[in-house]
Amino acid sequence: MRTIDLASWPRRPQYELYRACADPFYELTVRVSAPAVVEASRQAGWSVFAVVLAALTHAIQRCEPLRTRQRGEEVVVHDRIHPSWVVLGEGGRMSFARGQAHDELRDQLVAIEQTTAAARATPSLGEPHGRDDLFYASSLAPLDLVSVRPERSGLREDCVPRFFWGRVVEGRLHLTISAHHAFVDGMHLVGLVADLEEALRRPLPARPG
């Protein structure tokens, strides 16, 4: 993690403009090309959710604005941020799984699967908003989601981006991104989506037996 020198930061005018807004978040929904992800996931033995989350975890590390956070009057950039996602257990009980970002795809997929299983076995909401080196993810795979309006904490320093998607339909999924405009512009998400689509085309390792 490093601290940004606000005095010399080229983005400071936009930062000052948007951080003063009552609601500085915005939502943008894009169609992401994922032509083979369902079949490739099935053949390799992984869930589509795990494959998409692993690809998103990989892509988001390459987008510095999505790793930037407000801490009091300071602005910091995390070297790496980690996935946190919603898991539904018995009776629809919800819990938050908090994982780790891994460099290797196989390690990432195994970690997502193991963390999901642990969250389902011992449901807990933990300490919401206790960390800012995360991004939040949620999927409602039975539905062909077109857009989502996410809830937010209302905390002044909450800059954590949110990602939502539904069912893959005809090789595409709709991805809703909720980002803090003091740090993230729409043009930053162009690169993110391109990196995500590239990550979704990676050959999948076989799931360990």
Protein backbone atom coordinates (compact mmCIF):
# COMPACT_ATOMS: atom_id res chain seq x y z
CA MET A 1 0.00 0.00 0.00
CA ARG A 2 1.24 3.48 -0.76
CA THR A 3 -0.05 6.95 0.09
CA ILE A 4 -0.73 9.39 -2.74
CA ASP A 5 0.80 12.85 -2.55
CA LEU A 6 -2.34 14.93 -3.01
CA ALA A 7 -0.36 18.12 -3.71
CA SER A 8 1.07 16.65 -6.91
CA TRP A 9 -1.73 14.24 -7.83
CA PRO A 10 -3.07 15.06 -11.32
CA ARG A 11 -6.49 13.74 -10.37
CA ARG A 12 -6.94 16.00 -7.36
CA PRO A 13 -9.52 18.34 -9.03
CA GLN A 14 -11.84 15.42 -9.87
CA TYR A 15 -11.20 13.91 -6.46
CA GLU A 16 -12.21 17.11 -4.67
CA LEU A 17 -15.26 17.52 -6.90
CA TYR A 18 -16.73 14.06 -6.46
CA ARG A 19 -15.79 13.38 -2.84
CA ALA A 20 -17.97 16.35 -1.89
CA CYS A 21 -21.05 14.74 -3.46
CA ALA A 22 -23.72 13.31 -1.19
CA ASP A 23 -23.63 10.09 -3.22
CA PRO A 24 -20.33 9.84 -5.12
CA PHE A 25 -20.94 6.30 -6.36
CA TYR A 26 -22.22 5.54 -9.85
CA GLU A 27 -23.37 2.33 -11.53
CA LEU A 28 -22.44 1.17 -14.99
CA THR A 29 -23.69 -2.07 -16.54
CA VAL A 30 -21.84 -3.65 -19.44
CA ARG A 31 -22.19 -6.79 -21.49
CA VAL A 32 -19.11 -8.96 -21.02
CA SER A 33 -18.16 -11.46 -23.68
CA ALA A 34 -17.76 -14.94 -22.21
CA PRO A 35 -18.48 -17.24 -25.15
CA ALA A 36 -17.07 -20.49 -23.75
CA VAL A 37 -17.16 -19.97 -20.00
CA VAL A 38 -20.16 -22.20 -19.25
CA GLU A 39 -18.94 -25.20 -21.24
CA ALA A 40 -15.30 -24.75 -20.19
CA SER A 41 -16.31 -24.53 -16.52
CA ARG A 42 -18.43 -27.67 -16.79
CA GLN A 43 -15.67 -29.65 -18.49
CA ALA A 44 -13.04 -28.56 -15.95
CA GLY A 45 -15.36 -29.20 -12.99
CA TRP A 46 -15.64 -25.64 -11.62
CA SER A 47 -18.70 -23.51 -11.02
CA VAL A 48 -19.27 -20.67 -13.45
CA PHE A 49 -19.39 -18.29 -10.48
CA ALA A 50 -15.91 -19.34 -9.34
CA VAL A 51 -14.49 -18.92 -12.83
CA VAL A 52 -15.99 -15.45 -13.28
CA LEU A 53 -14.89 -14.36 -9.79
CA ALA A 54 -11.37 -15.65 -10.41
CA ALA A 55 -11.21 -13.74 -13.70
CA LEU A 56 -12.51 -10.57 -12.04
CA THR A 57 -9.99 -10.93 -9.20
CA HIS A 58 -7.22 -11.17 -11.78
CA ALA A 59 -8.43 -8.24 -13.89
CA ILE A 60 -9.07 -5.83 -11.03
CA GLN A 61 -5.43 -5.96 -9.92
CA ARG A 62 -4.51 -4.20 -13.17
CA CYS A 63 -6.86 -1.25 -12.53
CA GLU A 64 -5.25 1.05 -9.97
CA PRO A 65 -8.29 3.35 -9.56
CA LEU A 66 -10.33 0.38 -8.30
CA ARG A 67 -7.64 -0.28 -5.68
CA THR A 68 -7.65 3.32 -4.41
CA ARG A 69 -9.24 4.17 -1.06
CA GLN A 70 -9.99 7.13 1.19
CA ARG A 71 -8.59 7.02 4.71
CA GLY A 72 -9.45 10.17 6.59
CA GLU A 73 -7.78 12.95 4.65
CA GLU A 74 -5.35 10.54 3.00
CA VAL A 75 -5.71 8.61 -0.25
CA VAL A 76 -4.01 5.24 -0.46
CA VAL A 77 -3.53 2.64 -3.18
CA HIS A 78 -3.45 -1.03 -2.24
CA ASP A 79 -0.94 -3.20 -4.06
CA ARG A 80 -3.60 -5.90 -4.21
CA ILE A 81 -7.23 -6.19 -3.25
CA HIS A 82 -9.15 -9.34 -2.41
CA PRO A 83 -12.59 -10.71 -3.23
CA SER A 84 -15.48 -10.76 -0.78
CA TRP A 85 -18.68 -12.39 -1.97
CA VAL A 86 -22.14 -13.40 -0.85
CA VAL A 87 -22.82 -17.04 0.03
CA LEU A 88 -26.29 -18.43 0.72
CA GLY A 89 -26.57 -21.29 3.17
CA GLU A 90 -29.39 -23.45 4.49
CA GLY A 91 -32.72 -21.66 4.59
CA GLY A 92 -31.32 -18.80 2.56
CA ARG A 93 -29.12 -17.60 5.39
CA MET A 94 -26.58 -15.14 4.00
CA SER A 95 -22.91 -14.90 4.85
CA PHE A 96 -19.91 -13.02 3.50
CA ALA A 97 -16.97 -15.03 2.24
CA ARG A 98 -13.70 -13.12 2.40
CA GLY A 99 -11.03 -14.63 0.20
CA GLN A 100 -7.51 -13.91 -0.97
CA ALA A 101 -6.20 -12.92 -4.37
CA HIS A 102 -3.79 -15.49 -5.85
CA ASP A 103 -1.46 -15.26 -8.81
CA GLU A 104 -2.12 -18.74 -10.19
CA LEU A 105 -5.55 -19.51 -11.63
CA ARG A 106 -5.73 -22.98 -10.11
CA ASP A 107 -4.86 -21.62 -6.67
CA GLN A 108 -7.49 -18.91 -7.04
CA LEU A 109 -10.23 -21.34 -8.03
CA VAL A 110 -9.41 -23.74 -5.19
CA ALA A 111 -9.36 -20.85 -2.70
CA ILE A 112 -12.75 -19.59 -3.88
CA GLU A 113 -14.26 -23.07 -3.60
CA GLN A 114 -12.82 -23.69 -0.12
CA THR A 115 -13.77 -20.25 1.21
CA THR A 116 -17.30 -20.64 -0.14
CA ALA A 117 -17.68 -24.02 1.56
CA ALA A 118 -16.41 -22.62 4.86
CA ALA A 119 -18.79 -19.66 4.71
CA ARG A 120 -21.72 -21.95 3.94
CA ALA A 121 -20.85 -24.29 6.81
CA THR A 122 -20.46 -21.47 9.33
CA PRO A 123 -22.58 -18.52 8.18
CA SER A 124 -21.41 -15.14 9.42
CA LEU A 125 -21.60 -11.54 8.31
CA GLY A 126 -18.36 -10.93 10.18
CA GLU A 127 -17.45 -7.27 10.59
CA PRO A 128 -18.95 -5.44 7.62
CA HIS A 129 -16.73 -2.63 6.31
CA GLY A 130 -13.91 -3.58 8.67
CA ARG A 131 -11.42 -3.69 5.78
CA ASP A 132 -10.99 -1.62 2.66
CA ASP A 133 -8.58 -3.89 0.74
CA LEU A 134 -11.56 -5.73 -0.75
CA PHE A 135 -14.00 -5.65 -3.60
CA TYR A 136 -17.54 -6.98 -3.18
CA ALA A 137 -19.08 -9.47 -5.59
CA SER A 138 -22.49 -11.09 -5.88
CA SER A 139 -24.23 -13.20 -8.49
CA LEU A 140 -27.81 -14.32 -9.02
CA ALA A 141 -27.20 -16.98 -11.62
CA PRO A 142 -30.83 -18.10 -12.10
CA LEU A 143 -31.68 -14.66 -13.52
CA ASP A 144 -30.55 -12.91 -16.68
CA LEU A 145 -29.79 -9.71 -14.78
CA VAL A 146 -29.82 -6.53 -16.80
CA SER A 147 -28.90 -4.07 -14.06
CA VAL A 148 -28.65 -3.81 -10.28
CA ARG A 149 -28.86 -0.93 -7.84
CA PRO A 150 -26.51 -1.90 -5.00
CA GLU A 151 -26.90 -0.97 -1.38
CA ARG A 152 -24.15 1.06 0.28
CA SER A 153 -23.00 1.52 3.83
CA GLY A 154 -23.32 5.31 3.88
CA LEU A 155 -19.93 5.53 5.57
CA ARG A 156 -17.91 8.49 4.36
CA GLU A 157 -14.78 6.47 3.68
CA ASP A 158 -16.48 3.52 1.98
CA CYS A 159 -14.85 3.41 -1.46
CA VAL A 160 -15.05 -0.35 -2.01
CA PRO A 161 -16.30 -1.20 -5.53
CA ARG A 162 -19.22 -3.59 -6.00
CA PHE A 163 -19.76 -6.08 -8.84
CA PHE A 164 -22.94 -7.98 -9.72
CA TRP A 165 -23.83 -10.41 -12.49
CA GLY A 166 -26.40 -13.03 -13.36
CA ARG A 167 -26.74 -15.90 -15.78
CA VAL A 168 -24.50 -16.23 -18.82
CA VAL A 169 -26.83 -15.95 -21.81
CA GLU A 170 -25.68 -16.63 -25.36
CA GLY A 171 -22.05 -16.24 -24.37
CA ARG A 172 -22.50 -12.92 -22.54
CA LEU A 173 -23.14 -11.77 -19.02
CA HIS A 174 -24.31 -8.41 -17.78
CA LEU A 175 -21.84 -7.02 -15.24
CA THR A 176 -22.91 -4.12 -13.04
CA ILE A 177 -20.04 -2.13 -11.57
CA SER A 178 -20.60 0.32 -8.72
CA ALA A 179 -17.58 2.59 -8.28
CA HIS A 180 -16.61 5.72 -6.36
CA HIS A 181 -16.33 8.59 -8.84
CA ALA A 182 -13.64 10.38 -6.84
CA PHE A 183 -11.27 7.62 -7.99
CA VAL A 184 -12.85 5.74 -10.88
CA ASP A 185 -14.08 7.15 -14.19
CA GLY A 186 -16.01 5.26 -16.83
CA MET A 187 -12.94 5.15 -19.07
CA HIS A 188 -11.03 3.24 -16.42
CA LEU A 189 -13.63 0.48 -16.72
CA VAL A 190 -12.94 0.06 -20.43
CA GLY A 191 -9.58 -1.47 -19.57
CA LEU A 192 -11.07 -3.50 -16.75
CA VAL A 193 -13.66 -5.11 -19.02
CA ALA A 194 -11.03 -5.86 -21.67
CA ASP A 195 -8.81 -7.50 -19.05
CA LEU A 196 -11.79 -9.43 -17.67
CA GLU A 197 -12.74 -10.76 -21.09
CA GLU A 198 -9.14 -11.81 -21.67
CA ALA A 199 -9.05 -13.54 -18.27
CA LEU A 200 -12.27 -15.40 -19.08
CA ARG A 201 -10.57 -16.87 -22.16
CA ARG A 202 -7.77 -18.49 -20.14
CA PRO A 203 -7.60 -22.29 -20.31
CA LEU A 204 -9.05 -23.72 -17.11
CA PRO A 205 -7.13 -26.27 -15.06
CA ALA A 206 -9.00 -29.42 -14.15
CA ARG A 207 -10.58 -29.35 -10.72
CA PRO A 208 -8.66 -31.58 -8.30
CA GLY A 209 -10.39 -34.92 -7.81
